[in-house]
Amino acid sequence: MNRGDKIALVLASAFAVGVVGASVYNAIKPKGLEGITITRITVLPYQSAVQVGDVIGLVATAYYSDGSSKNITWNSFWISSNQAVAVVQSPGEIQALTHGTTSVEVNYLGITGVALISVT
């Protein structure tokens, strides 16, 4: 399996986890919460300029239709779009490897948030 195949497998798995997770979440919602949905996910800081070798922390938050929010940093799937530039070491922890730019995507129950990272 080459690198492209591995990335495709990871993305497909993330999508499947998001879809299944959303279905499970909807199936086990407490009574009275049926109409509450995720309206957006933010990843902060949204834009980061870092040096090669830096490790930065990001926080993902889900916002709901009832006005509430939840830190989902540890309950979500994280991936860098350009793993030559930066990689996800653990949820919310990104290591800069080489000069360039990348986006870091966070998937939670099928909803995605994005942060942009520039490595100098």
N, C-alpha and C. Protein backbone atom coordinates (compact mmCIF):
# COMPACT_ATOMS: atom_id res chain seq x y z
N MET A 1 0.85 -1.17 0.00
CA MET A 1 0.00 0.00 0.00
C MET A 1 0.90 1.23 0.00
N ASN A 2 0.72 2.11 -0.98
CA ASN A 2 1.54 3.32 -1.05
C ASN A 2 0.95 4.41 -0.16
N ARG A 3 1.67 5.53 -0.04
CA ARG A 3 1.27 6.63 0.84
C ARG A 3 -0.10 7.19 0.46
N GLY A 4 -0.35 7.35 -0.84
CA GLY A 4 -1.64 7.86 -1.30
C GLY A 4 -2.79 6.94 -0.91
N ASP A 5 -2.56 5.62 -1.02
CA ASP A 5 -3.58 4.65 -0.63
C ASP A 5 -3.85 4.74 0.87
N LYS A 6 -2.78 4.92 1.66
CA LYS A 6 -2.94 5.02 3.11
C LYS A 6 -3.73 6.26 3.49
N ILE A 7 -3.44 7.38 2.83
CA ILE A 7 -4.17 8.61 3.12
C ILE A 7 -5.64 8.45 2.74
N ALA A 8 -5.90 7.85 1.59
CA ALA A 8 -7.28 7.62 1.15
C ALA A 8 -8.01 6.73 2.15
N LEU A 9 -7.34 5.70 2.66
CA LEU A 9 -7.93 4.80 3.63
C LEU A 9 -8.25 5.55 4.92
N VAL A 10 -7.33 6.39 5.38
CA VAL A 10 -7.55 7.16 6.60
C VAL A 10 -8.74 8.10 6.43
N LEU A 11 -8.80 8.80 5.29
CA LEU A 11 -9.91 9.73 5.05
C LEU A 11 -11.23 8.99 4.95
N ALA A 12 -11.24 7.85 4.27
CA ALA A 12 -12.46 7.05 4.16
C ALA A 12 -12.90 6.56 5.53
N SER A 13 -11.94 6.14 6.34
CA SER A 13 -12.25 5.67 7.70
C SER A 13 -12.80 6.81 8.54
N ALA A 14 -12.20 8.00 8.41
CA ALA A 14 -12.67 9.16 9.17
C ALA A 14 -14.10 9.50 8.80
N PHE A 15 -14.39 9.44 7.49
CA PHE A 15 -15.75 9.72 7.04
C PHE A 15 -16.72 8.69 7.61
N ALA A 16 -16.33 7.41 7.54
CA ALA A 16 -17.18 6.35 8.06
C ALA A 16 -17.41 6.52 9.55
N VAL A 17 -16.35 6.84 10.30
CA VAL A 17 -16.48 7.05 11.74
C VAL A 17 -17.42 8.22 12.00
N GLY A 18 -17.28 9.30 11.22
CA GLY A 18 -18.15 10.45 11.38
C GLY A 18 -19.60 10.10 11.12
N VAL A 19 -19.87 9.36 10.05
CA VAL A 19 -21.24 8.98 9.71
C VAL A 19 -21.81 8.04 10.75
N VAL A 20 -21.05 7.02 11.12
CA VAL A 20 -21.52 6.07 12.13
C VAL A 20 -21.69 6.78 13.47
N GLY A 21 -20.70 7.63 13.82
CA GLY A 21 -20.79 8.38 15.07
C GLY A 21 -22.03 9.24 15.11
N ALA A 22 -22.33 9.92 14.00
CA ALA A 22 -23.52 10.77 13.95
C ALA A 22 -24.78 9.93 14.13
N SER A 23 -24.80 8.75 13.50
CA SER A 23 -25.97 7.88 13.62
C SER A 23 -26.13 7.38 15.05
N VAL A 24 -25.04 6.98 15.68
CA VAL A 24 -25.09 6.51 17.06
C VAL A 24 -25.53 7.66 17.96
N TYR A 25 -24.95 8.85 17.77
CA TYR A 25 -25.31 10.01 18.58
C TYR A 25 -26.80 10.30 18.46
N ASN A 26 -27.31 10.29 17.24
CA ASN A 26 -28.73 10.56 17.03
C ASN A 26 -29.60 9.48 17.66
N ALA A 27 -29.12 8.25 17.66
CA ALA A 27 -29.89 7.15 18.23
C ALA A 27 -29.93 7.19 19.75
N ILE A 28 -28.90 7.77 20.39
CA ILE A 28 -28.84 7.74 21.86
C ILE A 28 -29.06 9.10 22.50
N LYS A 29 -29.49 10.10 21.73
CA LYS A 29 -29.76 11.42 22.30
C LYS A 29 -30.83 11.30 23.38
N PRO A 30 -30.63 11.98 24.51
CA PRO A 30 -31.68 11.97 25.54
C PRO A 30 -32.97 12.57 25.02
N LYS A 31 -34.08 12.11 25.57
CA LYS A 31 -35.38 12.63 25.16
C LYS A 31 -35.42 14.14 25.36
N GLY A 32 -35.96 14.84 24.38
CA GLY A 32 -36.05 16.29 24.46
C GLY A 32 -34.94 17.00 23.70
N LEU A 33 -33.90 16.26 23.27
CA LEU A 33 -32.79 16.86 22.55
C LEU A 33 -32.81 16.50 21.06
N GLU A 34 -33.90 15.92 20.59
CA GLU A 34 -33.96 15.45 19.21
C GLU A 34 -33.70 16.55 18.18
N GLY A 35 -34.11 17.79 18.46
CA GLY A 35 -33.96 18.86 17.49
C GLY A 35 -32.62 19.59 17.54
N ILE A 36 -31.75 19.23 18.49
CA ILE A 36 -30.47 19.93 18.64
C ILE A 36 -29.44 19.32 17.68
N THR A 37 -28.80 20.18 16.90
CA THR A 37 -27.81 19.73 15.93
C THR A 37 -26.53 20.56 16.06
N ILE A 38 -25.46 20.05 15.51
CA ILE A 38 -24.20 20.81 15.46
C ILE A 38 -24.33 21.81 14.32
N THR A 39 -24.09 23.08 14.62
CA THR A 39 -24.19 24.10 13.59
C THR A 39 -22.84 24.40 12.95
N ARG A 40 -21.76 24.26 13.73
CA ARG A 40 -20.42 24.49 13.18
C ARG A 40 -19.36 23.98 14.15
N ILE A 41 -18.16 23.81 13.61
CA ILE A 41 -16.99 23.45 14.42
C ILE A 41 -15.92 24.49 14.14
N THR A 42 -15.34 25.02 15.20
CA THR A 42 -14.22 25.94 15.04
C THR A 42 -12.95 25.28 15.55
N VAL A 43 -11.83 25.67 14.94
CA VAL A 43 -10.52 25.21 15.38
C VAL A 43 -9.69 26.47 15.62
N LEU A 44 -9.21 26.62 16.84
CA LEU A 44 -8.46 27.82 17.21
C LEU A 44 -7.07 27.47 17.71
N PRO A 45 -6.07 28.27 17.40
CA PRO A 45 -6.19 29.43 16.53
C PRO A 45 -6.44 29.00 15.08
N TYR A 46 -7.23 29.81 14.38
CA TYR A 46 -7.61 29.48 13.01
C TYR A 46 -6.40 29.54 12.07
N GLN A 47 -5.54 30.53 12.26
CA GLN A 47 -4.31 30.65 11.46
C GLN A 47 -3.11 30.71 12.40
N SER A 48 -2.10 29.92 12.08
CA SER A 48 -0.88 29.90 12.89
C SER A 48 0.33 30.01 11.99
N ALA A 49 1.29 30.83 12.41
CA ALA A 49 2.59 30.91 11.74
C ALA A 49 3.61 30.37 12.73
N VAL A 50 4.27 29.28 12.35
CA VAL A 50 5.19 28.60 13.27
C VAL A 50 6.53 28.35 12.58
N GLN A 51 7.50 27.97 13.38
CA GLN A 51 8.83 27.64 12.88
C GLN A 51 8.96 26.12 12.72
N VAL A 52 9.85 25.70 11.84
CA VAL A 52 10.15 24.27 11.68
C VAL A 52 10.53 23.70 13.05
N GLY A 53 9.93 22.58 13.40
CA GLY A 53 10.22 21.92 14.67
C GLY A 53 9.26 22.27 15.79
N ASP A 54 8.51 23.37 15.64
CA ASP A 54 7.54 23.76 16.68
C ASP A 54 6.42 22.74 16.80
N VAL A 55 5.91 22.62 18.00
CA VAL A 55 4.71 21.84 18.26
C VAL A 55 3.68 22.84 18.79
N ILE A 56 2.54 22.89 18.14
CA ILE A 56 1.51 23.84 18.56
C ILE A 56 0.25 23.11 19.01
N GLY A 57 -0.49 23.77 19.85
CA GLY A 57 -1.75 23.22 20.34
C GLY A 57 -2.93 23.92 19.70
N LEU A 58 -3.90 23.15 19.25
CA LEU A 58 -5.14 23.67 18.69
C LEU A 58 -6.30 23.13 19.51
N VAL A 59 -7.40 23.89 19.55
CA VAL A 59 -8.58 23.47 20.29
C VAL A 59 -9.77 23.48 19.35
N ALA A 60 -10.52 22.38 19.34
CA ALA A 60 -11.72 22.27 18.51
C ALA A 60 -12.96 22.39 19.38
N THR A 61 -13.91 23.18 18.92
CA THR A 61 -15.15 23.39 19.66
C THR A 61 -16.34 23.18 18.73
N ALA A 62 -17.32 22.42 19.20
CA ALA A 62 -18.57 22.22 18.46
C ALA A 62 -19.61 23.18 19.03
N TYR A 63 -20.35 23.83 18.13
CA TYR A 63 -21.43 24.73 18.52
C TYR A 63 -22.75 24.10 18.10
N TYR A 64 -23.73 24.17 18.99
CA TYR A 64 -25.01 23.49 18.78
C TYR A 64 -26.14 24.48 18.53
N SER A 65 -27.21 23.98 17.93
CA SER A 65 -28.34 24.83 17.56
C SER A 65 -29.07 25.42 18.77
N ASP A 66 -28.86 24.86 19.96
CA ASP A 66 -29.50 25.42 21.16
C ASP A 66 -28.65 26.51 21.81
N GLY A 67 -27.51 26.87 21.16
CA GLY A 67 -26.63 27.91 21.69
C GLY A 67 -25.51 27.40 22.57
N SER A 68 -25.49 26.12 22.87
CA SER A 68 -24.43 25.56 23.71
C SER A 68 -23.20 25.22 22.87
N SER A 69 -22.10 24.95 23.54
CA SER A 69 -20.87 24.55 22.85
C SER A 69 -20.15 23.50 23.69
N LYS A 70 -19.22 22.78 23.04
CA LYS A 70 -18.49 21.70 23.73
C LYS A 70 -17.10 21.60 23.14
N ASN A 71 -16.09 21.50 24.02
CA ASN A 71 -14.73 21.25 23.58
C ASN A 71 -14.68 19.80 23.09
N ILE A 72 -14.33 19.62 21.82
CA ILE A 72 -14.32 18.28 21.22
C ILE A 72 -12.90 17.87 20.79
N THR A 73 -11.91 18.58 21.30
CA THR A 73 -10.53 18.34 20.89
C THR A 73 -10.17 16.86 20.96
N TRP A 74 -10.51 16.19 22.05
CA TRP A 74 -10.12 14.79 22.24
C TRP A 74 -11.15 13.80 21.73
N ASN A 75 -12.30 14.29 21.25
CA ASN A 75 -13.36 13.39 20.77
C ASN A 75 -13.51 13.43 19.27
N SER A 76 -12.52 13.92 18.56
CA SER A 76 -12.65 14.11 17.11
C SER A 76 -11.45 13.54 16.38
N PHE A 77 -11.59 13.43 15.06
CA PHE A 77 -10.53 12.91 14.20
C PHE A 77 -9.79 14.09 13.57
N TRP A 78 -8.45 14.10 13.66
CA TRP A 78 -7.61 15.19 13.16
C TRP A 78 -6.71 14.67 12.04
N ILE A 79 -6.52 15.49 10.98
CA ILE A 79 -5.59 15.13 9.92
C ILE A 79 -5.04 16.39 9.26
N SER A 80 -3.76 16.33 8.91
CA SER A 80 -3.11 17.41 8.17
C SER A 80 -3.25 17.12 6.68
N SER A 81 -3.59 18.15 5.89
CA SER A 81 -3.74 17.94 4.45
C SER A 81 -2.40 17.81 3.75
N ASN A 82 -1.32 18.29 4.36
CA ASN A 82 0.02 18.18 3.79
C ASN A 82 0.96 17.67 4.88
N GLN A 83 1.05 16.36 4.99
CA GLN A 83 1.82 15.76 6.07
C GLN A 83 3.32 15.91 5.91
N ALA A 84 3.76 16.40 4.77
CA ALA A 84 5.19 16.73 4.61
C ALA A 84 5.51 18.02 5.37
N VAL A 85 4.52 18.89 5.53
CA VAL A 85 4.72 20.18 6.21
C VAL A 85 4.46 20.07 7.71
N ALA A 86 3.37 19.42 8.11
CA ALA A 86 3.02 19.28 9.52
C ALA A 86 2.20 18.02 9.72
N VAL A 87 2.37 17.41 10.88
CA VAL A 87 1.65 16.18 11.20
C VAL A 87 0.91 16.34 12.53
N VAL A 88 -0.14 15.56 12.67
CA VAL A 88 -0.89 15.52 13.92
C VAL A 88 -0.21 14.49 14.82
N GLN A 89 0.30 14.94 15.96
CA GLN A 89 0.93 14.02 16.91
C GLN A 89 -0.10 13.36 17.81
N SER A 90 -1.08 14.13 18.21
CA SER A 90 -2.21 13.66 19.00
C SER A 90 -3.32 14.68 18.79
N PRO A 91 -4.56 14.39 19.19
CA PRO A 91 -5.62 15.35 18.95
C PRO A 91 -5.26 16.75 19.49
N GLY A 92 -5.27 17.72 18.60
CA GLY A 92 -4.96 19.09 18.98
C GLY A 92 -3.49 19.44 19.03
N GLU A 93 -2.61 18.49 18.81
CA GLU A 93 -1.16 18.73 18.88
C GLU A 93 -0.55 18.50 17.50
N ILE A 94 -0.01 19.59 16.92
CA ILE A 94 0.51 19.56 15.56
C ILE A 94 1.99 19.88 15.57
N GLN A 95 2.80 19.10 14.86
CA GLN A 95 4.24 19.36 14.76
C GLN A 95 4.59 19.83 13.36
N ALA A 96 5.30 20.97 13.30
CA ALA A 96 5.76 21.53 12.03
C ALA A 96 7.04 20.81 11.61
N LEU A 97 7.08 20.32 10.38
CA LEU A 97 8.22 19.54 9.90
C LEU A 97 9.12 20.29 8.94
N THR A 98 8.52 21.03 8.01
CA THR A 98 9.31 21.71 6.99
C THR A 98 8.53 22.94 6.50
N HIS A 99 9.20 23.80 5.77
CA HIS A 99 8.59 25.03 5.26
C HIS A 99 7.41 24.72 4.34
N GLY A 100 6.35 25.50 4.47
CA GLY A 100 5.18 25.34 3.62
C GLY A 100 3.91 25.67 4.36
N THR A 101 2.79 25.34 3.75
CA THR A 101 1.49 25.57 4.37
C THR A 101 0.67 24.28 4.33
N THR A 102 -0.23 24.18 5.27
CA THR A 102 -1.14 23.04 5.32
C THR A 102 -2.41 23.46 6.04
N SER A 103 -3.44 22.69 5.84
CA SER A 103 -4.65 22.87 6.64
C SER A 103 -4.77 21.64 7.54
N VAL A 104 -5.32 21.85 8.70
CA VAL A 104 -5.59 20.76 9.62
C VAL A 104 -7.10 20.66 9.74
N GLU A 105 -7.62 19.50 9.41
CA GLU A 105 -9.06 19.29 9.44
C GLU A 105 -9.44 18.47 10.66
N VAL A 106 -10.55 18.86 11.26
CA VAL A 106 -11.09 18.17 12.43
C VAL A 106 -12.48 17.68 12.06
N ASN A 107 -12.73 16.38 12.23
CA ASN A 107 -14.03 15.81 11.93
C ASN A 107 -14.65 15.30 13.22
N TYR A 108 -15.88 15.71 13.45
CA TYR A 108 -16.63 15.27 14.64
C TYR A 108 -18.06 14.98 14.21
N LEU A 109 -18.47 13.74 14.30
CA LEU A 109 -19.82 13.32 13.94
C LEU A 109 -20.22 13.78 12.54
N GLY A 110 -19.25 13.73 11.63
CA GLY A 110 -19.51 14.06 10.23
C GLY A 110 -19.42 15.54 9.88
N ILE A 111 -19.14 16.39 10.86
CA ILE A 111 -19.00 17.83 10.62
C ILE A 111 -17.51 18.17 10.71
N THR A 112 -17.05 19.08 9.84
CA THR A 112 -15.62 19.38 9.75
C THR A 112 -15.32 20.84 10.07
N GLY A 113 -14.21 21.05 10.79
CA GLY A 113 -13.66 22.38 11.03
C GLY A 113 -12.23 22.39 10.53
N VAL A 114 -11.69 23.57 10.24
CA VAL A 114 -10.36 23.67 9.61
C VAL A 114 -9.54 24.78 10.27
N ALA A 115 -8.23 24.53 10.37
CA ALA A 115 -7.27 25.56 10.76
C ALA A 115 -6.16 25.59 9.71
N LEU A 116 -5.54 26.74 9.52
CA LEU A 116 -4.47 26.90 8.55
C LEU A 116 -3.15 27.11 9.26
N ILE A 117 -2.11 26.42 8.78
CA ILE A 117 -0.80 26.52 9.41
C ILE A 117 0.24 26.86 8.34
N SER A 118 1.05 27.86 8.66
CA SER A 118 2.15 28.27 7.79
C SER A 118 3.46 28.02 8.55
N VAL A 119 4.35 27.26 7.95
CA VAL A 119 5.62 26.93 8.61
C VAL A 119 6.73 27.69 7.88
N THR A 120 7.51 28.47 8.64
CA THR A 120 8.61 29.25 8.06
C THR A 120 9.94 28.78 8.61
